[in-house]
């Protein structure tokens, strides 16, 4: 694909609260089509996919593959501060 061609989902932002396989797979496809994906992770509970084998350094290859092209932040959505940071 030409680098100066706009991808179909450019300009869209998607907040990804998923952790199971199907959610990260779906949002990685959206990222491939140009959407900005912001993965929201719970700081109190590590995503179990991060520890699956095999690993590159300390992170699971599956986790890296499913979350390519995404931004990732830790936000505790159970607090008022966490919820307000999503609204801004």
Protein backbone atom coordinates (compact mmCIF):
# COMPACT_ATOMS: atom_id res chain seq x y z
CA UNK A 1 0.00 0.00 0.00
CA UNK A 2 1.31 3.46 -0.87
CA UNK A 3 2.55 5.38 2.16
CA UNK A 4 0.67 8.55 1.22
CA UNK A 5 -2.69 6.76 0.91
CA UNK A 6 -5.06 7.19 3.82
CA UNK A 7 -6.04 3.95 5.54
CA UNK A 8 -9.83 3.47 5.98
CA UNK A 9 -9.94 3.95 9.78
CA UNK A 10 -7.45 6.82 10.12
CA UNK A 11 -8.84 9.51 12.40
CA UNK A 12 -10.74 7.03 14.58
CA UNK A 13 -9.70 6.39 18.18
CA UNK A 14 -10.69 3.15 19.91
CA UNK A 15 -10.32 2.47 23.62
CA UNK A 16 -9.51 -1.20 24.12
CA UNK A 17 -10.56 -2.61 27.50
CA UNK A 18 -10.19 -6.23 26.36
CA UNK A 19 -7.72 -8.84 27.62
CA UNK A 20 -9.01 -12.13 26.22
CA UNK A 21 -7.69 -13.31 22.86
CA UNK A 22 -10.57 -12.23 20.63
CA UNK A 23 -10.59 -8.59 21.82
CA UNK A 24 -6.89 -7.84 21.25
CA UNK A 25 -7.04 -9.70 17.92
CA UNK A 26 -9.96 -7.56 16.75
CA UNK A 27 -8.39 -4.27 17.83
CA UNK A 28 -5.06 -5.19 16.21
CA UNK A 29 -6.97 -5.53 12.91
CA UNK A 30 -8.54 -2.11 13.50
CA UNK A 31 -5.01 -0.73 14.06
CA UNK A 32 -3.86 -2.34 10.80
CA UNK A 33 -6.60 -0.37 9.05
CA UNK A 34 -5.41 2.90 10.60
CA UNK A 35 -7.39 3.36 13.82
CA UNK A 36 -5.56 4.69 16.86
CA UNK A 37 -5.93 2.00 19.52
CA UNK A 38 -5.41 2.90 23.16
CA UNK A 39 -5.27 -0.20 25.30
CA UNK A 40 -6.52 0.44 28.84
CA UNK A 41 -4.95 -1.93 31.36
CA UNK A 42 -5.85 -2.40 35.01
CA UNK A 43 -2.86 -1.49 37.21
CA UNK A 44 -4.05 -3.88 39.94
CA UNK A 45 -4.11 -6.94 37.68
CA UNK A 46 -1.53 -7.75 35.03
CA UNK A 47 -2.89 -8.98 31.70
CA UNK A 48 -2.30 -12.77 31.88
CA UNK A 49 -1.29 -12.85 28.21
CA UNK A 50 1.90 -10.95 29.10
CA UNK A 51 3.29 -14.05 30.87
CA UNK A 52 2.43 -16.73 28.29
CA UNK A 53 5.32 -18.67 26.77
CA UNK A 54 7.34 -18.23 24.58
CA UNK A 55 8.66 -14.82 25.61
CA UNK A 56 10.88 -12.15 24.13
CA UNK A 57 12.84 -10.81 27.07
CA UNK A 58 10.05 -10.81 29.69
CA UNK A 59 6.97 -10.31 27.50
CA UNK A 60 4.95 -12.98 25.73
CA UNK A 61 5.30 -13.14 21.95
CA UNK A 62 1.54 -13.63 21.69
CA UNK A 63 0.96 -10.47 23.74
CA UNK A 64 3.39 -8.52 21.56
CA UNK A 65 1.76 -9.82 18.38
CA UNK A 66 -1.81 -9.10 19.47
CA UNK A 67 -0.98 -5.62 20.75
CA UNK A 68 1.23 -4.37 17.93
CA UNK A 69 0.60 -0.81 16.85
CA UNK A 70 -1.30 0.08 20.02
CA UNK A 71 -0.69 2.59 22.74
CA UNK A 72 -1.04 1.26 26.26
CA UNK A 73 -1.89 3.00 29.53
CA UNK A 74 -2.65 1.80 33.03
CA UNK A 75 -5.85 3.35 34.38
CA UNK A 76 -7.81 2.28 37.42
CA UNK A 77 -11.37 2.75 36.17
CA UNK A 78 -12.76 2.01 39.64
CA UNK A 79 -11.59 5.43 40.88
CA UNK A 80 -13.00 8.85 40.05
CA UNK A 81 -9.56 10.02 38.88
CA UNK A 82 -9.30 7.05 36.51
CA UNK A 83 -12.76 7.58 35.06
CA UNK A 84 -12.19 11.31 34.59
CA UNK A 85 -8.91 10.69 32.78
CA UNK A 86 -10.84 8.64 30.19
CA UNK A 87 -13.36 11.43 29.70
CA UNK A 88 -10.70 14.01 28.84
